[in-house]
């Protein structure tokens, strides 16, 4: 099982956020997120949004640190990338 996380550089709601993804399946991603204690509401189309303070915990549980481009590349290669409705790029 491999789950990937990018650095917490994405601002929102007064915090910085990371993206947690799987390059295998959403089931794998949901399982990892559950072990991490991330709420299901943190799942957004093809990834979990994790606040910066959860980054180290995710890495300690086995998430592999990659940059944001690698997160998207892994999703696309696995066929798991889900774009926003309306054709907007993400």
PDB file of N, CA and C in Angstrom:
ATOM      1  N   UNK A   1       0.843  -1.170   0.000  1.00  0.00           N
ATOM      2  CA  UNK A   1       0.000   0.000   0.000  1.00  0.00           C
ATOM      3  C   UNK A   1       0.889   1.234   0.000  1.00  0.00           C
ATOM      4  N   UNK A   2       0.638   2.142  -0.960  1.00  0.00           N
ATOM      5  CA  UNK A   2       1.369   3.402  -0.983  1.00  0.00           C
ATOM      6  C   UNK A   2       0.389   4.549  -1.104  1.00  0.00           C
ATOM      7  N   UNK A   3       0.509   5.464  -0.183  1.00  0.00           N
ATOM      8  CA  UNK A   3      -0.272   6.689  -0.184  1.00  0.00           C
ATOM      9  C   UNK A   3       0.733   7.826  -0.207  1.00  0.00           C
ATOM     10  N   UNK A   4       0.394   8.891  -0.911  1.00  0.00           N
ATOM     11  CA  UNK A   4       1.307  10.017  -1.103  1.00  0.00           C
ATOM     12  C   UNK A   4       0.717  11.288  -0.509  1.00  0.00           C
ATOM     13  N   UNK A   5       1.611  12.182  -0.074  1.00  0.00           N
ATOM     14  CA  UNK A   5       1.179  13.455   0.504  1.00  0.00           C
ATOM     15  C   UNK A   5       2.098  14.559   0.008  1.00  0.00           C
ATOM     16  N   UNK A   6       1.495  15.693  -0.354  1.00  0.00           N
ATOM     17  CA  UNK A   6       2.311  16.838  -0.752  1.00  0.00           C
ATOM     18  C   UNK A   6       2.469  17.778   0.438  1.00  0.00           C
ATOM     19  N   UNK A   7       3.408  18.723   0.348  1.00  0.00           N
ATOM     20  CA  UNK A   7       3.650  19.632   1.482  1.00  0.00           C
ATOM     21  C   UNK A   7       2.426  20.495   1.788  1.00  0.00           C
ATOM     22  N   UNK A   8       2.270  20.899   3.024  1.00  0.00           N
ATOM     23  CA  UNK A   8       1.137  21.752   3.396  1.00  0.00           C
ATOM     24  C   UNK A   8       1.368  23.203   2.956  1.00  0.00           C
ATOM     25  N   UNK A   9       1.086  23.459   1.681  1.00  0.00           N
ATOM     26  CA  UNK A   9       1.304  24.799   1.116  1.00  0.00           C
ATOM     27  C   UNK A   9       0.021  25.438   0.597  1.00  0.00           C
ATOM     28  N   UNK A  10      -1.081  24.719   0.683  1.00  0.00           N
ATOM     29  CA  UNK A  10      -2.342  25.191   0.106  1.00  0.00           C
ATOM     30  C   UNK A  10      -3.170  25.918   1.169  1.00  0.00           C
ATOM     31  N   UNK A  11      -3.363  27.231   1.015  1.00  0.00           N
ATOM     32  CA  UNK A  11      -4.106  27.992   2.023  1.00  0.00           C
ATOM     33  C   UNK A  11      -5.618  27.787   1.905  1.00  0.00           C
ATOM     34  N   UNK A  12      -6.274  27.833   3.052  1.00  0.00           N
ATOM     35  CA  UNK A  12      -7.731  27.761   3.095  1.00  0.00           C
ATOM     36  C   UNK A  12      -8.220  27.795   4.524  1.00  0.00           C
ATOM     37  N   UNK A  13      -9.224  28.588   4.770  1.00  0.00           N
ATOM     38  CA  UNK A  13      -9.849  28.660   6.090  1.00  0.00           C
ATOM     39  C   UNK A  13      -8.836  29.009   7.184  1.00  0.00           C
ATOM     40  N   UNK A  14      -7.867  29.871   6.855  1.00  0.00           N
ATOM     41  CA  UNK A  14      -6.895  30.323   7.844  1.00  0.00           C
ATOM     42  C   UNK A  14      -5.824  29.308   8.199  1.00  0.00           C
ATOM     43  N   UNK A  15      -5.676  28.260   7.376  1.00  0.00           N
ATOM     44  CA  UNK A  15      -4.691  27.208   7.625  1.00  0.00           C
ATOM     45  C   UNK A  15      -3.978  26.854   6.325  1.00  0.00           C
ATOM     46  N   UNK A  16      -2.959  26.019   6.448  1.00  0.00           N
ATOM     47  CA  UNK A  16      -2.303  25.440   5.279  1.00  0.00           C
ATOM     48  C   UNK A  16      -2.668  23.968   5.209  1.00  0.00           C
ATOM     49  N   UNK A  17      -2.794  23.458   3.978  1.00  0.00           N
ATOM     50  CA  UNK A  17      -3.299  22.109   3.758  1.00  0.00           C
ATOM     51  C   UNK A  17      -2.395  21.301   2.840  1.00  0.00           C
ATOM     52  N   UNK A  18      -2.420  19.987   3.011  1.00  0.00           N
ATOM     53  CA  UNK A  18      -1.777  19.013   2.142  1.00  0.00           C
ATOM     54  C   UNK A  18      -2.853  18.206   1.444  1.00  0.00           C
ATOM     55  N   UNK A  19      -2.441  17.516   0.383  1.00  0.00           N
ATOM     56  CA  UNK A  19      -3.322  16.587  -0.319  1.00  0.00           C
ATOM     57  C   UNK A  19      -2.786  15.171  -0.112  1.00  0.00           C
ATOM     58  N   UNK A  20      -3.658  14.275   0.259  1.00  0.00           N
ATOM     59  CA  UNK A  20      -3.326  12.876   0.480  1.00  0.00           C
ATOM     60  C   UNK A  20      -3.998  12.059  -0.617  1.00  0.00           C
ATOM     61  N   UNK A  21      -3.213  11.265  -1.362  1.00  0.00           N
ATOM     62  CA  UNK A  21      -3.751  10.499  -2.486  1.00  0.00           C
ATOM     63  C   UNK A  21      -3.217   9.076  -2.483  1.00  0.00           C
ATOM     64  N   UNK A  22      -3.903   8.225  -3.229  1.00  0.00           N
ATOM     65  CA  UNK A  22      -3.444   6.859  -3.499  1.00  0.00           C
ATOM     66  C   UNK A  22      -3.237   6.726  -4.996  1.00  0.00           C
ATOM     67  N   UNK A  23      -2.293   5.893  -5.387  1.00  0.00           N
ATOM     68  CA  UNK A  23      -2.136   5.605  -6.812  1.00  0.00           C
ATOM     69  C   UNK A  23      -2.645   4.204  -7.136  1.00  0.00           C
ATOM     70  N   UNK A  24      -3.434   3.636  -6.204  1.00  0.00           N
ATOM     71  CA  UNK A  24      -3.985   2.298  -6.402  1.00  0.00           C
ATOM     72  C   UNK A  24      -5.513   2.337  -6.460  1.00  0.00           C
ATOM     73  N   UNK A  25      -6.140   2.894  -5.410  1.00  0.00           N
ATOM     74  CA  UNK A  25      -7.609   2.895  -5.360  1.00  0.00           C
ATOM     75  C   UNK A  25      -8.104   3.873  -4.305  1.00  0.00           C
ATOM     76  N   UNK A  26      -9.359   4.247  -4.454  1.00  0.00           N
ATOM     77  CA  UNK A  26      -9.976   5.074  -3.424  1.00  0.00           C
ATOM     78  C   UNK A  26     -10.186   4.276  -2.147  1.00  0.00           C
ATOM     79  N   UNK A  27     -10.409   2.977  -2.274  1.00  0.00           N
ATOM     80  CA  UNK A  27     -10.565   2.137  -1.083  1.00  0.00           C
ATOM     81  C   UNK A  27      -9.289   2.195  -0.238  1.00  0.00           C
ATOM     82  N   UNK A  28      -8.132   2.107  -0.883  1.00  0.00           N
ATOM     83  CA  UNK A  28      -6.860   2.203  -0.168  1.00  0.00           C
ATOM     84  C   UNK A  28      -6.731   3.566   0.518  1.00  0.00           C
ATOM     85  N   UNK A  29      -7.106   4.609  -0.201  1.00  0.00           N
ATOM     86  CA  UNK A  29      -7.020   5.962   0.349  1.00  0.00           C
ATOM     87  C   UNK A  29      -7.952   6.125   1.551  1.00  0.00           C
ATOM     88  N   UNK A  30      -9.189   5.653   1.431  1.00  0.00           N
ATOM     89  CA  UNK A  30     -10.138   5.764   2.541  1.00  0.00           C
ATOM     90  C   UNK A  30      -9.662   4.968   3.757  1.00  0.00           C
ATOM     91  N   UNK A  31      -9.078   3.805   3.517  1.00  0.00           N
ATOM     92  CA  UNK A  31      -8.558   2.989   4.611  1.00  0.00           C
ATOM     93  C   UNK A  31      -7.437   3.728   5.351  1.00  0.00           C
ATOM     94  N   UNK A  32      -6.510   4.287   4.592  1.00  0.00           N
ATOM     95  CA  UNK A  32      -5.404   5.017   5.213  1.00  0.00           C
ATOM     96  C   UNK A  32      -5.933   6.228   5.987  1.00  0.00           C
ATOM     97  N   UNK A  33      -6.845   6.962   5.380  1.00  0.00           N
ATOM     98  CA  UNK A  33      -7.416   8.143   6.034  1.00  0.00           C
ATOM     99  C   UNK A  33      -8.124   7.763   7.337  1.00  0.00           C
ATOM    100  N   UNK A  34      -8.806   6.636   7.339  1.00  0.00           N
ATOM    101  CA  UNK A  34      -9.484   6.175   8.556  1.00  0.00           C
ATOM    102  C   UNK A  34      -8.464   5.873   9.648  1.00  0.00           C
ATOM    103  N   UNK A  35      -7.354   5.211   9.280  1.00  0.00           N
ATOM    104  CA  UNK A  35      -6.304   4.925  10.264  1.00  0.00           C
ATOM    105  C   UNK A  35      -5.676   6.212  10.794  1.00  0.00           C
ATOM    106  N   UNK A  36      -5.627   7.223   9.945  1.00  0.00           N
ATOM    107  CA  UNK A  36      -5.085   8.522  10.328  1.00  0.00           C
ATOM    108  C   UNK A  36      -6.072   9.304  11.205  1.00  0.00           C
ATOM    109  N   UNK A  37      -7.343   8.936  11.132  1.00  0.00           N
ATOM    110  CA  UNK A  37      -8.372   9.654  11.879  1.00  0.00           C
ATOM    111  C   UNK A  37      -8.924  10.845  11.124  1.00  0.00           C
ATOM    112  N   UNK A  38      -8.706  10.874   9.807  1.00  0.00           N
ATOM    113  CA  UNK A  38      -9.237  11.968   8.979  1.00  0.00           C
ATOM    114  C   UNK A  38     -10.722  11.731   8.735  1.00  0.00           C
ATOM    115  N   UNK A  39     -11.534  12.745   8.900  1.00  0.00           N
ATOM    116  CA  UNK A  39     -12.973  12.570   8.673  1.00  0.00           C
ATOM    117  C   UNK A  39     -13.273  12.397   7.180  1.00  0.00           C
ATOM    118  N   UNK A  40     -14.300  11.645   6.870  1.00  0.00           N
ATOM    119  CA  UNK A  40     -14.676  11.412   5.466  1.00  0.00           C
ATOM    120  C   UNK A  40     -15.018  12.718   4.747  1.00  0.00           C
ATOM    121  N   UNK A  41     -15.477  13.701   5.483  1.00  0.00           N
ATOM    122  CA  UNK A  41     -15.806  14.985   4.856  1.00  0.00           C
ATOM    123  C   UNK A  41     -14.564  15.696   4.304  1.00  0.00           C
ATOM    124  N   UNK A  42     -13.370  15.239   4.696  1.00  0.00           N
ATOM    125  CA  UNK A  42     -12.125  15.813   4.179  1.00  0.00           C
ATOM    126  C   UNK A  42     -11.787  15.284   2.784  1.00  0.00           C
ATOM    127  N   UNK A  43     -12.564  14.288   2.297  1.00  0.00           N
ATOM    128  CA  UNK A  43     -12.346  13.740   0.959  1.00  0.00           C
ATOM    129  C   UNK A  43     -12.958  14.679  -0.066  1.00  0.00           C
ATOM    130  N   UNK A  44     -12.159  15.051  -1.072  1.00  0.00           N
ATOM    131  CA  UNK A  44     -12.599  15.993  -2.106  1.00  0.00           C
ATOM    132  C   UNK A  44     -12.285  15.407  -3.478  1.00  0.00           C
ATOM    133  N   UNK A  45     -13.259  14.770  -4.096  1.00  0.00           N
ATOM    134  CA  UNK A  45     -13.197  14.175  -5.432  1.00  0.00           C
ATOM    135  C   UNK A  45     -12.188  13.044  -5.583  1.00  0.00           C
ATOM    136  N   UNK A  46     -10.895  13.310  -5.327  1.00  0.00           N
ATOM    137  CA  UNK A  46      -9.872  12.284  -5.552  1.00  0.00           C
ATOM    138  C   UNK A  46      -8.750  12.326  -4.519  1.00  0.00           C
ATOM    139  N   UNK A  47      -8.944  13.121  -3.483  1.00  0.00           N
ATOM    140  CA  UNK A  47      -7.907  13.273  -2.454  1.00  0.00           C
ATOM    141  C   UNK A  47      -8.531  13.684  -1.125  1.00  0.00           C
ATOM    142  N   UNK A  48      -7.746  13.552  -0.079  1.00  0.00           N
ATOM    143  CA  UNK A  48      -8.127  14.090   1.223  1.00  0.00           C
ATOM    144  C   UNK A  48      -7.350  15.368   1.441  1.00  0.00           C
ATOM    145  N   UNK A  49      -8.016  16.387   1.963  1.00  0.00           N
ATOM    146  CA  UNK A  49      -7.356  17.609   2.398  1.00  0.00           C
ATOM    147  C   UNK A  49      -6.983  17.423   3.863  1.00  0.00           C
ATOM    148  N   UNK A  50      -5.686  17.547   4.155  1.00  0.00           N
ATOM    149  CA  UNK A  50      -5.209  17.397   5.531  1.00  0.00           C
ATOM    150  C   UNK A  50      -4.565  18.688   5.999  1.00  0.00           C
ATOM    151  N   UNK A  51      -4.916  19.167   7.188  1.00  0.00           N
ATOM    152  CA  UNK A  51      -4.279  20.375   7.706  1.00  0.00           C
ATOM    153  C   UNK A  51      -2.813  20.117   8.034  1.00  0.00           C
ATOM    154  N   UNK A  52      -2.028  21.170   8.005  1.00  0.00           N
ATOM    155  CA  UNK A  52      -0.581  21.078   8.212  1.00  0.00           C
ATOM    156  C   UNK A  52      -0.224  20.322   9.483  1.00  0.00           C
ATOM    157  N   UNK A  53      -1.005  20.487  10.520  1.00  0.00           N
ATOM    158  CA  UNK A  53      -0.672  19.832  11.783  1.00  0.00           C
ATOM    159  C   UNK A  53      -0.828  18.308  11.737  1.00  0.00           C
ATOM    160  N   UNK A  54      -1.446  17.760  10.692  1.00  0.00           N
ATOM    161  CA  UNK A  54      -1.584  16.300  10.539  1.00  0.00           C
ATOM    162  C   UNK A  54      -0.532  15.716   9.600  1.00  0.00           C
ATOM    163  N   UNK A  55       0.273  16.572   8.969  1.00  0.00           N
ATOM    164  CA  UNK A  55       1.265  16.126   7.984  1.00  0.00           C
ATOM    165  C   UNK A  55       2.246  15.103   8.571  1.00  0.00           C
ATOM    166  N   UNK A  56       2.876  15.439   9.676  1.00  0.00           N
ATOM    167  CA  UNK A  56       3.872  14.543  10.278  1.00  0.00           C
ATOM    168  C   UNK A  56       3.252  13.204  10.667  1.00  0.00           C
ATOM    169  N   UNK A  57       2.033  13.224  11.159  1.00  0.00           N
ATOM    170  CA  UNK A  57       1.350  11.982  11.526  1.00  0.00           C
ATOM    171  C   UNK A  57       1.113  11.109  10.299  1.00  0.00           C
ATOM    172  N   UNK A  58       0.714  11.721   9.193  1.00  0.00           N
ATOM    173  CA  UNK A  58       0.487  10.963   7.961  1.00  0.00           C
ATOM    174  C   UNK A  58       1.783  10.313   7.479  1.00  0.00           C
ATOM    175  N   UNK A  59       2.877  11.062   7.548  1.00  0.00           N
ATOM    176  CA  UNK A  59       4.181  10.522   7.135  1.00  0.00           C
ATOM    177  C   UNK A  59       4.597   9.388   8.078  1.00  0.00           C
ATOM    178  N   UNK A  60       4.377   9.567   9.364  1.00  0.00           N
ATOM    179  CA  UNK A  60       4.727   8.528  10.333  1.00  0.00           C
ATOM    180  C   UNK A  60       3.936   7.236  10.090  1.00  0.00           C
ATOM    181  N   UNK A  61       2.708   7.366   9.576  1.00  0.00           N
ATOM    182  CA  UNK A  61       1.892   6.186   9.270  1.00  0.00           C
ATOM    183  C   UNK A  61       2.256   5.552   7.927  1.00  0.00           C
ATOM    184  N   UNK A  62       3.151   6.215   7.176  1.00  0.00           N
ATOM    185  CA  UNK A  62       3.607   5.612   5.928  1.00  0.00           C
ATOM    186  C   UNK A  62       3.355   6.383   4.661  1.00  0.00           C
ATOM    187  N   UNK A  63       2.729   7.552   4.740  1.00  0.00           N
ATOM    188  CA  UNK A  63       2.532   8.357   3.531  1.00  0.00           C
ATOM    189  C   UNK A  63       3.891   8.803   3.002  1.00  0.00           C
ATOM    190  N   UNK A  64       4.055   8.714   1.706  1.00  0.00           N
ATOM    191  CA  UNK A  64       5.307   9.094   1.054  1.00  0.00           C
ATOM    192  C   UNK A  64       5.236  10.566   0.660  1.00  0.00           C
ATOM    193  N   UNK A  65       6.248  11.316   1.051  1.00  0.00           N
ATOM    194  CA  UNK A  65       6.300  12.748   0.768  1.00  0.00           C
ATOM    195  C   UNK A  65       6.716  12.980  -0.688  1.00  0.00           C
ATOM    196  N   UNK A  66       5.888  13.713  -1.423  1.00  0.00           N
ATOM    197  CA  UNK A  66       6.166  14.084  -2.804  1.00  0.00           C
ATOM    198  C   UNK A  66       5.720  15.526  -3.017  1.00  0.00           C
ATOM    199  N   UNK A  67       6.138  16.123  -4.136  1.00  0.00           N
ATOM    200  CA  UNK A  67       5.673  17.481  -4.406  1.00  0.00           C
ATOM    201  C   UNK A  67       4.281  17.423  -5.053  1.00  0.00           C
ATOM    202  N   UNK A  68       3.670  18.583  -5.199  1.00  0.00           N
ATOM    203  CA  UNK A  68       2.293  18.654  -5.689  1.00  0.00           C
ATOM    204  C   UNK A  68       2.145  18.135  -7.108  1.00  0.00           C
ATOM    205  N   UNK A  69       3.143  18.362  -7.939  1.00  0.00           N
ATOM    206  CA  UNK A  69       3.073  17.846  -9.308  1.00  0.00           C
ATOM    207  C   UNK A  69       3.050  16.325  -9.319  1.00  0.00           C
ATOM    208  N   UNK A  70       3.809  15.735  -8.418  1.00  0.00           N
ATOM    209  CA  UNK A  70       3.854  14.276  -8.339  1.00  0.00           C
ATOM    210  C   UNK A  70       2.511  13.711  -7.883  1.00  0.00           C
ATOM    211  N   UNK A  71       1.838  14.396  -6.983  1.00  0.00           N
ATOM    212  CA  UNK A  71       0.503  13.967  -6.538  1.00  0.00           C
ATOM    213  C   UNK A  71      -0.430  13.862  -7.741  1.00  0.00           C
ATOM    214  N   UNK A  72      -0.463  14.897  -8.563  1.00  0.00           N
ATOM    215  CA  UNK A  72      -1.344  14.906  -9.734  1.00  0.00           C
ATOM    216  C   UNK A  72      -0.907  13.842 -10.740  1.00  0.00           C
ATOM    217  N   UNK A  73       0.384  13.721 -10.961  1.00  0.00           N
ATOM    218  CA  UNK A  73       0.892  12.720 -11.906  1.00  0.00           C
ATOM    219  C   UNK A  73       0.507  11.308 -11.473  1.00  0.00           C
ATOM    220  N   UNK A  74       0.616  11.028 -10.164  1.00  0.00           N
ATOM    221  CA  UNK A  74       0.245   9.696  -9.659  1.00  0.00           C
ATOM    222  C   UNK A  74      -1.244   9.417  -9.848  1.00  0.00           C
ATOM    223  N   UNK A  75      -2.069  10.425  -9.571  1.00  0.00           N
ATOM    224  CA  UNK A  75      -3.510  10.262  -9.773  1.00  0.00           C
ATOM    225  C   UNK A  75      -3.837   9.997 -11.232  1.00  0.00           C
ATOM    226  N   UNK A  76      -3.254  10.771 -12.120  1.00  0.00           N
ATOM    227  CA  UNK A  76      -3.522  10.599 -13.553  1.00  0.00           C
ATOM    228  C   UNK A  76      -3.063   9.231 -14.041  1.00  0.00           C
ATOM    229  N   UNK A  77      -1.862   8.827 -13.668  1.00  0.00           N
ATOM    230  CA  UNK A  77      -1.322   7.541 -14.112  1.00  0.00           C
ATOM    231  C   UNK A  77      -2.191   6.380 -13.640  1.00  0.00           C
ATOM    232  N   UNK A  78      -2.790   6.522 -12.475  1.00  0.00           N
ATOM    233  CA  UNK A  78      -3.645   5.464 -11.922  1.00  0.00           C
ATOM    234  C   UNK A  78      -5.072   5.534 -12.444  1.00  0.00           C
ATOM    235  N   UNK A  79      -5.402   6.593 -13.191  1.00  0.00           N
ATOM    236  CA  UNK A  79      -6.767   6.761 -13.678  1.00  0.00           C
ATOM    237  C   UNK A  79      -7.733   7.196 -12.593  1.00  0.00           C
ATOM    238  N   UNK A  80      -7.204   7.781 -11.517  1.00  0.00           N
ATOM    239  CA  UNK A  80      -8.043   8.192 -10.385  1.00  0.00           C
ATOM    240  C   UNK A  80      -8.311   9.693 -10.343  1.00  0.00           C
ATOM    241  N   UNK A  81      -7.742  10.455 -11.262  1.00  0.00           N
ATOM    242  CA  UNK A  81      -7.911  11.912 -11.234  1.00  0.00           C
ATOM    243  C   UNK A  81      -9.350  12.258 -11.573  1.00  0.00           C
ATOM    244  N   UNK A  82      -9.981  13.047 -10.737  1.00  0.00           N
ATOM    245  CA  UNK A  82     -11.352  13.521 -10.955  1.00  0.00           C
ATOM    246  C   UNK A  82     -11.322  15.043 -10.984  1.00  0.00           C
ATOM    247  N   UNK A  83     -11.544  15.608 -12.133  1.00  0.00           N
ATOM    248  CA  UNK A  83     -11.523  17.061 -12.279  1.00  0.00           C
ATOM    249  C   UNK A  83     -12.819  17.664 -11.752  1.00  0.00           C
ATOM    250  N   UNK A  84     -12.742  18.939 -11.424  1.00  0.00           N
ATOM    251  CA  UNK A  84     -13.946  19.654 -10.997  1.00  0.00           C
ATOM    252  C   UNK A  84     -14.934  19.687 -12.140  1.00  0.00           C
ATOM    253  N   UNK A  85     -16.205  19.730 -11.799  1.00  0.00           N
ATOM    254  CA  UNK A  85     -17.255  19.831 -12.818  1.00  0.00           C
ATOM    255  C   UNK A  85     -17.095  21.144 -13.567  1.00  0.00           C
ATOM    256  N   UNK A  86     -17.538  21.168 -14.804  1.00  0.00           N
ATOM    257  CA  UNK A  86     -17.446  22.378 -15.597  1.00  0.00           C
ATOM    258  C   UNK A  86     -16.133  22.486 -16.357  1.00  0.00           C
ATOM    259  N   UNK A  87     -15.317  21.443 -16.300  1.00  0.00           N
ATOM    260  CA  UNK A  87     -14.087  21.439 -17.065  1.00  0.00           C
ATOM    261  C   UNK A  87     -12.968  22.265 -16.492  1.00  0.00           C
ATOM    262  N   UNK A  88     -13.123  22.753 -15.273  1.00  0.00           N
ATOM    263  CA  UNK A  88     -12.069  23.545 -14.669  1.00  0.00           C
ATOM    264  C   UNK A  88     -10.875  22.658 -14.374  1.00  0.00           C
ATOM    265  N   UNK A  89      -9.712  23.184 -14.590  1.00  0.00           N
ATOM    266  CA  UNK A  89      -8.499  22.441 -14.277  1.00  0.00           C
ATOM    267  C   UNK A  89      -8.229  22.530 -12.781  1.00  0.00           C
ATOM    268  N   UNK A  90      -7.685  21.456 -12.240  1.00  0.00           N
ATOM    269  CA  UNK A  90      -7.346  21.455 -10.819  1.00  0.00           C
ATOM    270  C   UNK A  90      -5.904  21.144 -10.636  1.00  0.00           C
TER     271      UNK A  90
END
